PDB file of N, CA and C in Angstrom:
ATOM      1  N   UNK A   1      23.569  22.085  -8.439  1.00  0.00           N
ATOM      2  CA  UNK A   1      22.964  20.766  -8.405  1.00  0.00           C
ATOM      3  C   UNK A   1      22.502  20.463  -6.982  1.00  0.00           C
ATOM      4  N   UNK A   2      21.284  20.003  -6.861  1.00  0.00           N
ATOM      5  CA  UNK A   2      20.724  19.727  -5.542  1.00  0.00           C
ATOM      6  C   UNK A   2      21.371  18.469  -4.957  1.00  0.00           C
ATOM      7  N   UNK A   3      21.594  18.520  -3.642  1.00  0.00           N
ATOM      8  CA  UNK A   3      22.144  17.346  -2.978  1.00  0.00           C
ATOM      9  C   UNK A   3      21.079  16.260  -2.924  1.00  0.00           C
ATOM     10  N   UNK A   4      21.532  15.054  -2.683  1.00  0.00           N
ATOM     11  CA  UNK A   4      20.599  13.942  -2.587  1.00  0.00           C
ATOM     12  C   UNK A   4      19.613  14.167  -1.443  1.00  0.00           C
ATOM     13  N   UNK A   5      20.091  14.754  -0.336  1.00  0.00           N
ATOM     14  CA  UNK A   5      19.192  15.074   0.785  1.00  0.00           C
ATOM     15  C   UNK A   5      18.043  15.959   0.314  1.00  0.00           C
ATOM     16  N   UNK A   6      18.373  16.966  -0.480  1.00  0.00           N
ATOM     17  CA  UNK A   6      17.366  17.917  -0.940  1.00  0.00           C
ATOM     18  C   UNK A   6      16.369  17.282  -1.905  1.00  0.00           C
ATOM     19  N   UNK A   7      16.771  16.219  -2.565  1.00  0.00           N
ATOM     20  CA  UNK A   7      15.881  15.548  -3.517  1.00  0.00           C
ATOM     21  C   UNK A   7      14.831  14.690  -2.819  1.00  0.00           C
ATOM     22  N   UNK A   8      15.054  14.393  -1.528  1.00  0.00           N
ATOM     23  CA  UNK A   8      14.037  13.700  -0.745  1.00  0.00           C
ATOM     24  C   UNK A   8      14.255  12.206  -0.610  1.00  0.00           C
ATOM     25  N   UNK A   9      13.448  11.633   0.279  1.00  0.00           N
ATOM     26  CA  UNK A   9      13.602  10.238   0.641  1.00  0.00           C
ATOM     27  C   UNK A   9      13.392   9.296  -0.539  1.00  0.00           C
ATOM     28  N   UNK A  10      12.397   9.547  -1.365  1.00  0.00           N
ATOM     29  CA  UNK A  10      12.145   8.633  -2.489  1.00  0.00           C
ATOM     30  C   UNK A  10      13.356   8.525  -3.400  1.00  0.00           C
ATOM     31  N   UNK A  11      14.012   9.638  -3.700  1.00  0.00           N
ATOM     32  CA  UNK A  11      15.204   9.614  -4.552  1.00  0.00           C
ATOM     33  C   UNK A  11      16.345   8.882  -3.852  1.00  0.00           C
ATOM     34  N   UNK A  12      16.480   9.097  -2.553  1.00  0.00           N
ATOM     35  CA  UNK A  12      17.516   8.400  -1.785  1.00  0.00           C
ATOM     36  C   UNK A  12      17.272   6.893  -1.840  1.00  0.00           C
ATOM     37  N   UNK A  13      16.040   6.474  -1.609  1.00  0.00           N
ATOM     38  CA  UNK A  13      15.712   5.046  -1.627  1.00  0.00           C
ATOM     39  C   UNK A  13      15.922   4.450  -3.017  1.00  0.00           C
ATOM     40  N   UNK A  14      15.629   5.222  -4.038  1.00  0.00           N
ATOM     41  CA  UNK A  14      15.887   4.776  -5.408  1.00  0.00           C
ATOM     42  C   UNK A  14      17.376   4.489  -5.590  1.00  0.00           C
ATOM     43  N   UNK A  15      18.214   5.373  -5.075  1.00  0.00           N
ATOM     44  CA  UNK A  15      19.666   5.174  -5.177  1.00  0.00           C
ATOM     45  C   UNK A  15      20.120   3.964  -4.366  1.00  0.00           C
ATOM     46  N   UNK A  16      19.565   3.766  -3.179  1.00  0.00           N
ATOM     47  CA  UNK A  16      19.927   2.594  -2.372  1.00  0.00           C
ATOM     48  C   UNK A  16      19.574   1.323  -3.150  1.00  0.00           C
ATOM     49  N   UNK A  17      18.393   1.277  -3.719  1.00  0.00           N
ATOM     50  CA  UNK A  17      17.978   0.111  -4.503  1.00  0.00           C
ATOM     51  C   UNK A  17      18.864  -0.117  -5.713  1.00  0.00           C
ATOM     52  N   UNK A  18      19.192   0.956  -6.407  1.00  0.00           N
ATOM     53  CA  UNK A  18      20.066   0.867  -7.582  1.00  0.00           C
ATOM     54  C   UNK A  18      21.437   0.321  -7.185  1.00  0.00           C
ATOM     55  N   UNK A  19      21.989   0.869  -6.107  1.00  0.00           N
ATOM     56  CA  UNK A  19      23.317   0.435  -5.670  1.00  0.00           C
ATOM     57  C   UNK A  19      23.289  -0.992  -5.137  1.00  0.00           C
ATOM     58  N   UNK A  20      22.195  -1.391  -4.497  1.00  0.00           N
ATOM     59  CA  UNK A  20      22.076  -2.781  -4.024  1.00  0.00           C
ATOM     60  C   UNK A  20      22.104  -3.740  -5.213  1.00  0.00           C
ATOM     61  N   UNK A  21      21.371  -3.407  -6.248  1.00  0.00           N
ATOM     62  CA  UNK A  21      21.351  -4.242  -7.455  1.00  0.00           C
ATOM     63  C   UNK A  21      22.732  -4.303  -8.091  1.00  0.00           C
ATOM     64  N   UNK A  22      23.398  -3.168  -8.206  1.00  0.00           N
ATOM     65  CA  UNK A  22      24.730  -3.144  -8.804  1.00  0.00           C
ATOM     66  C   UNK A  22      25.736  -3.934  -7.962  1.00  0.00           C
ATOM     67  N   UNK A  23      25.574  -3.889  -6.636  1.00  0.00           N
ATOM     68  CA  UNK A  23      26.455  -4.662  -5.754  1.00  0.00           C
ATOM     69  C   UNK A  23      26.237  -6.156  -5.960  1.00  0.00           C
ATOM     70  N   UNK A  24      24.989  -6.564  -6.060  1.00  0.00           N
ATOM     71  CA  UNK A  24      24.669  -7.980  -6.294  1.00  0.00           C
ATOM     72  C   UNK A  24      25.279  -8.440  -7.616  1.00  0.00           C
ATOM     73  N   UNK A  25      25.114  -7.649  -8.660  1.00  0.00           N
ATOM     74  CA  UNK A  25      25.661  -8.026  -9.966  1.00  0.00           C
ATOM     75  C   UNK A  25      27.184  -8.102  -9.930  1.00  0.00           C
ATOM     76  N   UNK A  26      27.818  -7.163  -9.242  1.00  0.00           N
ATOM     77  CA  UNK A  26      29.279  -7.187  -9.129  1.00  0.00           C
ATOM     78  C   UNK A  26      29.738  -8.404  -8.345  1.00  0.00           C
ATOM     79  N   UNK A  27      28.985  -8.785  -7.325  1.00  0.00           N
ATOM     80  CA  UNK A  27      29.337  -9.969  -6.537  1.00  0.00           C
ATOM     81  C   UNK A  27      29.214 -11.234  -7.389  1.00  0.00           C
ATOM     82  N   UNK A  28      28.184 -11.296  -8.218  1.00  0.00           N
ATOM     83  CA  UNK A  28      28.018 -12.458  -9.090  1.00  0.00           C
ATOM     84  C   UNK A  28      29.176 -12.582 -10.064  1.00  0.00           C
ATOM     85  N   UNK A  29      29.735 -11.450 -10.483  1.00  0.00           N
ATOM     86  CA  UNK A  29      30.838 -11.442 -11.453  1.00  0.00           C
ATOM     87  C   UNK A  29      32.207 -11.497 -10.799  1.00  0.00           C
ATOM     88  N   UNK A  30      32.242 -11.442  -9.475  1.00  0.00           N
ATOM     89  CA  UNK A  30      33.518 -11.367  -8.770  1.00  0.00           C
ATOM     90  C   UNK A  30      34.240 -12.712  -8.820  1.00  0.00           C
ATOM     91  N   UNK A  31      35.518 -12.624  -9.113  1.00  0.00           N
ATOM     92  CA  UNK A  31      36.381 -13.801  -9.188  1.00  0.00           C
ATOM     93  C   UNK A  31      37.560 -13.545  -8.255  1.00  0.00           C
ATOM     94  N   UNK A  32      37.799 -14.468  -7.341  1.00  0.00           N
ATOM     95  CA  UNK A  32      38.873 -14.305  -6.354  1.00  0.00           C
ATOM     96  C   UNK A  32      40.236 -14.145  -7.018  1.00  0.00           C
ATOM     97  N   UNK A  33      40.346 -14.570  -8.258  1.00  0.00           N
ATOM     98  CA  UNK A  33      41.624 -14.474  -8.969  1.00  0.00           C
ATOM     99  C   UNK A  33      41.705 -13.251  -9.880  1.00  0.00           C
ATOM    100  N   UNK A  34      40.670 -12.417  -9.871  1.00  0.00           N
ATOM    101  CA  UNK A  34      40.611 -11.290 -10.787  1.00  0.00           C
ATOM    102  C   UNK A  34      40.498  -9.990  -9.992  1.00  0.00           C
ATOM    103  N   UNK A  35      41.611  -9.265  -9.935  1.00  0.00           N
ATOM    104  CA  UNK A  35      41.666  -8.036  -9.133  1.00  0.00           C
ATOM    105  C   UNK A  35      40.674  -6.988  -9.614  1.00  0.00           C
ATOM    106  N   UNK A  36      40.445  -6.883 -10.914  1.00  0.00           N
ATOM    107  CA  UNK A  36      39.522  -5.846 -11.395  1.00  0.00           C
ATOM    108  C   UNK A  36      38.084  -6.176 -11.006  1.00  0.00           C
ATOM    109  N   UNK A  37      37.713  -7.456 -11.006  1.00  0.00           N
ATOM    110  CA  UNK A  37      36.348  -7.794 -10.584  1.00  0.00           C
ATOM    111  C   UNK A  37      36.194  -7.596  -9.079  1.00  0.00           C
ATOM    112  N   UNK A  38      37.252  -7.841  -8.319  1.00  0.00           N
ATOM    113  CA  UNK A  38      37.213  -7.577  -6.881  1.00  0.00           C
ATOM    114  C   UNK A  38      37.078  -6.080  -6.619  1.00  0.00           C
ATOM    115  N   UNK A  39      37.817  -5.274  -7.376  1.00  0.00           N
ATOM    116  CA  UNK A  39      37.737  -3.821  -7.200  1.00  0.00           C
ATOM    117  C   UNK A  39      36.357  -3.309  -7.573  1.00  0.00           C
ATOM    118  N   UNK A  40      35.757  -3.889  -8.601  1.00  0.00           N
ATOM    119  CA  UNK A  40      34.399  -3.485  -8.996  1.00  0.00           C
ATOM    120  C   UNK A  40      33.421  -3.748  -7.847  1.00  0.00           C
ATOM    121  N   UNK A  41      33.569  -4.895  -7.190  1.00  0.00           N
ATOM    122  CA  UNK A  41      32.697  -5.212  -6.058  1.00  0.00           C
ATOM    123  C   UNK A  41      32.947  -4.254  -4.897  1.00  0.00           C
ATOM    124  N   UNK A  42      34.195  -3.946  -4.643  1.00  0.00           N
ATOM    125  CA  UNK A  42      34.520  -2.977  -3.580  1.00  0.00           C
ATOM    126  C   UNK A  42      33.901  -1.623  -3.901  1.00  0.00           C
ATOM    127  N   UNK A  43      34.026  -1.187  -5.142  1.00  0.00           N
ATOM    128  CA  UNK A  43      33.462   0.109  -5.547  1.00  0.00           C
ATOM    129  C   UNK A  43      31.948   0.145  -5.377  1.00  0.00           C
ATOM    130  N   UNK A  44      31.277  -0.912  -5.814  1.00  0.00           N
ATOM    131  CA  UNK A  44      29.816  -0.946  -5.702  1.00  0.00           C
ATOM    132  C   UNK A  44      29.371  -1.032  -4.249  1.00  0.00           C
ATOM    133  N   UNK A  45      30.107  -1.789  -3.439  1.00  0.00           N
ATOM    134  CA  UNK A  45      29.774  -1.874  -2.017  1.00  0.00           C
ATOM    135  C   UNK A  45      29.947  -0.519  -1.349  1.00  0.00           C
ATOM    136  N   UNK A  46      31.003   0.202  -1.707  1.00  0.00           N
ATOM    137  CA  UNK A  46      31.208   1.549  -1.161  1.00  0.00           C
ATOM    138  C   UNK A  46      30.048   2.465  -1.541  1.00  0.00           C
ATOM    139  N   UNK A  47      29.596   2.380  -2.786  1.00  0.00           N
ATOM    140  CA  UNK A  47      28.443   3.179  -3.217  1.00  0.00           C
ATOM    141  C   UNK A  47      27.197   2.824  -2.416  1.00  0.00           C
ATOM    142  N   UNK A  48      26.973   1.524  -2.206  1.00  0.00           N
ATOM    143  CA  UNK A  48      25.805   1.079  -1.435  1.00  0.00           C
ATOM    144  C   UNK A  48      25.886   1.579  -0.008  1.00  0.00           C
ATOM    145  N   UNK A  49      27.042   1.439   0.627  1.00  0.00           N
ATOM    146  CA  UNK A  49      27.194   1.911   2.006  1.00  0.00           C
ATOM    147  C   UNK A  49      26.991   3.422   2.076  1.00  0.00           C
ATOM    148  N   UNK A  50      27.550   4.152   1.111  1.00  0.00           N
ATOM    149  CA  UNK A  50      27.400   5.615   1.112  1.00  0.00           C
ATOM    150  C   UNK A  50      25.925   6.004   1.045  1.00  0.00           C
ATOM    151  N   UNK A  51      25.211   5.433   0.089  1.00  0.00           N
ATOM    152  CA  UNK A  51      23.803   5.819  -0.075  1.00  0.00           C
ATOM    153  C   UNK A  51      22.958   5.344   1.098  1.00  0.00           C
ATOM    154  N   UNK A  52      23.339   4.240   1.710  1.00  0.00           N
ATOM    155  CA  UNK A  52      22.649   3.793   2.920  1.00  0.00           C
ATOM    156  C   UNK A  52      22.879   4.792   4.054  1.00  0.00           C
ATOM    157  N   UNK A  53      24.089   5.314   4.157  1.00  0.00           N
ATOM    158  CA  UNK A  53      24.360   6.316   5.196  1.00  0.00           C
ATOM    159  C   UNK A  53      23.606   7.613   4.923  1.00  0.00           C
ATOM    160  N   UNK A  54      23.470   7.988   3.657  1.00  0.00           N
ATOM    161  CA  UNK A  54      22.656   9.161   3.313  1.00  0.00           C
ATOM    162  C   UNK A  54      21.214   8.928   3.753  1.00  0.00           C
ATOM    163  N   UNK A  55      20.693   7.718   3.503  1.00  0.00           N
ATOM    164  CA  UNK A  55      19.329   7.374   3.914  1.00  0.00           C
ATOM    165  C   UNK A  55      19.172   7.508   5.422  1.00  0.00           C
ATOM    166  N   UNK A  56      20.111   6.915   6.168  1.00  0.00           N
ATOM    167  CA  UNK A  56      20.041   7.003   7.624  1.00  0.00           C
ATOM    168  C   UNK A  56      20.060   8.458   8.082  1.00  0.00           C
ATOM    169  N   UNK A  57      20.971   9.236   7.520  1.00  0.00           N
ATOM    170  CA  UNK A  57      21.093  10.646   7.892  1.00  0.00           C
ATOM    171  C   UNK A  57      19.799  11.399   7.605  1.00  0.00           C
ATOM    172  N   UNK A  58      19.215  11.132   6.454  1.00  0.00           N
ATOM    173  CA  UNK A  58      17.965  11.804   6.077  1.00  0.00           C
ATOM    174  C   UNK A  58      16.855  11.503   7.084  1.00  0.00           C
ATOM    175  N   UNK A  59      16.922  10.313   7.686  1.00  0.00           N
ATOM    176  CA  UNK A  59      15.910   9.895   8.656  1.00  0.00           C
ATOM    177  C   UNK A  59      16.350  10.150  10.095  1.00  0.00           C
ATOM    178  N   UNK A  60      17.384  10.995  10.255  1.00  0.00           N
ATOM    179  CA  UNK A  60      17.932  11.362  11.568  1.00  0.00           C
ATOM    180  C   UNK A  60      18.399  10.140  12.366  1.00  0.00           C
ATOM    181  N   UNK A  61      18.973   9.188  11.666  1.00  0.00           N
ATOM    182  CA  UNK A  61      19.576   8.012  12.285  1.00  0.00           C
ATOM    183  C   UNK A  61      21.072   8.040  11.983  1.00  0.00           C
ATOM    184  N   UNK A  62      21.841   7.238  12.712  1.00  0.00           N
ATOM    185  CA  UNK A  62      23.289   7.271  12.534  1.00  0.00           C
ATOM    186  C   UNK A  62      23.842   5.878  12.249  1.00  0.00           C
ATOM    187  N   UNK A  63      24.986   5.824  11.588  1.00  0.00           N
ATOM    188  CA  UNK A  63      25.663   4.536  11.416  1.00  0.00           C
ATOM    189  C   UNK A  63      25.983   3.892  12.771  1.00  0.00           C
ATOM    190  N   UNK A  64      26.235   4.693  13.778  1.00  0.00           N
ATOM    191  CA  UNK A  64      26.534   4.166  15.107  1.00  0.00           C
ATOM    192  C   UNK A  64      25.362   3.360  15.663  1.00  0.00           C
ATOM    193  N   UNK A  65      24.144   3.777  15.361  1.00  0.00           N
ATOM    194  CA  UNK A  65      22.971   3.022  15.811  1.00  0.00           C
ATOM    195  C   UNK A  65      22.926   1.646  15.148  1.00  0.00           C
ATOM    196  N   UNK A  66      23.299   1.584  13.887  1.00  0.00           N
ATOM    197  CA  UNK A  66      23.338   0.304  13.180  1.00  0.00           C
ATOM    198  C   UNK A  66      24.449  -0.564  13.763  1.00  0.00           C
ATOM    199  N   UNK A  67      25.612   0.032  14.006  1.00  0.00           N
ATOM    200  CA  UNK A  67      26.719  -0.724  14.597  1.00  0.00           C
ATOM    201  C   UNK A  67      26.359  -1.247  15.981  1.00  0.00           C
ATOM    202  N   UNK A  68      25.637  -0.450  16.761  1.00  0.00           N
ATOM    203  CA  UNK A  68      25.207  -0.902  18.086  1.00  0.00           C
ATOM    204  C   UNK A  68      24.254  -2.086  17.957  1.00  0.00           C
ATOM    205  N   UNK A  69      23.365  -2.048  16.984  1.00  0.00           N
ATOM    206  CA  UNK A  69      22.452  -3.167  16.745  1.00  0.00           C
ATOM    207  C   UNK A  69      23.226  -4.423  16.370  1.00  0.00           C
ATOM    208  N   UNK A  70      24.223  -4.270  15.509  1.00  0.00           N
ATOM    209  CA  UNK A  70      25.049  -5.420  15.134  1.00  0.00           C
ATOM    210  C   UNK A  70      25.802  -5.977  16.334  1.00  0.00           C
ATOM    211  N   UNK A  71      26.292  -5.086  17.177  1.00  0.00           N
ATOM    212  CA  UNK A  71      26.987  -5.533  18.383  1.00  0.00           C
ATOM    213  C   UNK A  71      26.049  -6.318  19.292  1.00  0.00           C
ATOM    214  N   UNK A  72      24.801  -5.846  19.411  1.00  0.00           N
ATOM    215  CA  UNK A  72      23.815  -6.557  20.234  1.00  0.00           C
ATOM    216  C   UNK A  72      23.530  -7.954  19.681  1.00  0.00           C
ATOM    217  N   UNK A  73      23.660  -8.119  18.380  1.00  0.00           N
ATOM    218  CA  UNK A  73      23.377  -9.398  17.735  1.00  0.00           C
ATOM    219  C   UNK A  73      24.563 -10.354  17.759  1.00  0.00           C
ATOM    220  N   UNK A  74      25.727  -9.883  18.145  1.00  0.00           N
ATOM    221  CA  UNK A  74      26.922 -10.712  18.137  1.00  0.00           C
ATOM    222  C   UNK A  74      26.691 -11.980  18.951  1.00  0.00           C
ATOM    223  N   UNK A  75      27.044 -13.102  18.382  1.00  0.00           N
ATOM    224  CA  UNK A  75      26.876 -14.428  19.000  1.00  0.00           C
ATOM    225  C   UNK A  75      25.420 -14.866  19.121  1.00  0.00           C
ATOM    226  N   UNK A  76      24.528 -14.236  18.360  1.00  0.00           N
ATOM    227  CA  UNK A  76      23.131 -14.669  18.304  1.00  0.00           C
ATOM    228  C   UNK A  76      22.883 -15.143  16.879  1.00  0.00           C
ATOM    229  N   UNK A  77      22.332 -16.325  16.719  1.00  0.00           N
ATOM    230  CA  UNK A  77      22.078 -16.820  15.368  1.00  0.00           C
ATOM    231  C   UNK A  77      21.048 -15.936  14.677  1.00  0.00           C
ATOM    232  N   UNK A  78      21.117 -15.895  13.369  1.00  0.00           N
ATOM    233  CA  UNK A  78      20.166 -15.105  12.598  1.00  0.00           C
ATOM    234  C   UNK A  78      18.735 -15.545  12.833  1.00  0.00           C
ATOM    235  N   UNK A  79      18.526 -16.847  12.954  1.00  0.00           N
ATOM    236  CA  UNK A  79      17.166 -17.353  13.199  1.00  0.00           C
ATOM    237  C   UNK A  79      16.655 -16.920  14.565  1.00  0.00           C
ATOM    238  N   UNK A  80      17.515 -16.997  15.589  1.00  0.00           N
ATOM    239  CA  UNK A  80      17.110 -16.567  16.924  1.00  0.00           C
ATOM    240  C   UNK A  80      16.829 -15.077  16.959  1.00  0.00           C
ATOM    241  N   UNK A  81      17.667 -14.293  16.278  1.00  0.00           N
ATOM    242  CA  UNK A  81      17.471 -12.837  16.259  1.00  0.00           C
ATOM    243  C   UNK A  81      16.153 -12.501  15.583  1.00  0.00           C
ATOM    244  N   UNK A  82      15.884 -13.119  14.439  1.00  0.00           N
ATOM    245  CA  UNK A  82      14.647 -12.843  13.718  1.00  0.00           C
ATOM    246  C   UNK A  82      13.438 -13.251  14.549  1.00  0.00           C
ATOM    247  N   UNK A  83      13.510 -14.391  15.228  1.00  0.00           N
ATOM    248  CA  UNK A  83      12.397 -14.849  16.072  1.00  0.00           C
ATOM    249  C   UNK A  83      12.133 -13.869  17.208  1.00  0.00           C
ATOM    250  N   UNK A  84      13.176 -13.240  17.714  1.00  0.00           N
ATOM    251  CA  UNK A  84      12.992 -12.300  18.820  1.00  0.00           C
ATOM    252  C   UNK A  84      12.253 -11.035  18.390  1.00  0.00           C
ATOM    253  N   UNK A  85      12.242 -10.738  17.091  1.00  0.00           N
ATOM    254  CA  UNK A  85      11.554  -9.547  16.577  1.00  0.00           C
ATOM    255  C   UNK A  85      10.080  -9.820  16.305  1.00  0.00           C
ATOM    256  N   UNK A  86       9.678 -11.069  16.204  1.00  0.00           N
ATOM    257  CA  UNK A  86       8.294 -11.398  15.878  1.00  0.00           C
ATOM    258  C   UNK A  86       7.446 -11.350  17.143  1.00  0.00           C
ATOM    259  N   UNK A  87       6.324 -10.645  17.048  1.00  0.00           N
ATOM    260  CA  UNK A  87       5.410 -10.511  18.192  1.00  0.00           C
ATOM    261  C   UNK A  87       4.161 -11.299  17.986  1.00  0.00           C
TER     262      UNK A  87
END
């Protein structure tokens, strides 16, 4: 069976999109009092993070680069950060 890397970027992106949708649906169904719904959300989030890391790897990027970006954004409001990206 071919690895996801070997299947190419389009297949990887398809999986990221699929897992993002499944994560959203699990979050909508998540109940703070229901351990199985919480576990479902954890499982889907893990799948999303995994496929996102595969995407980054395929594009010769690293999770560390994303973490560094998040660190740079620490204590900056989302609106201010977004405005700084607009040229």
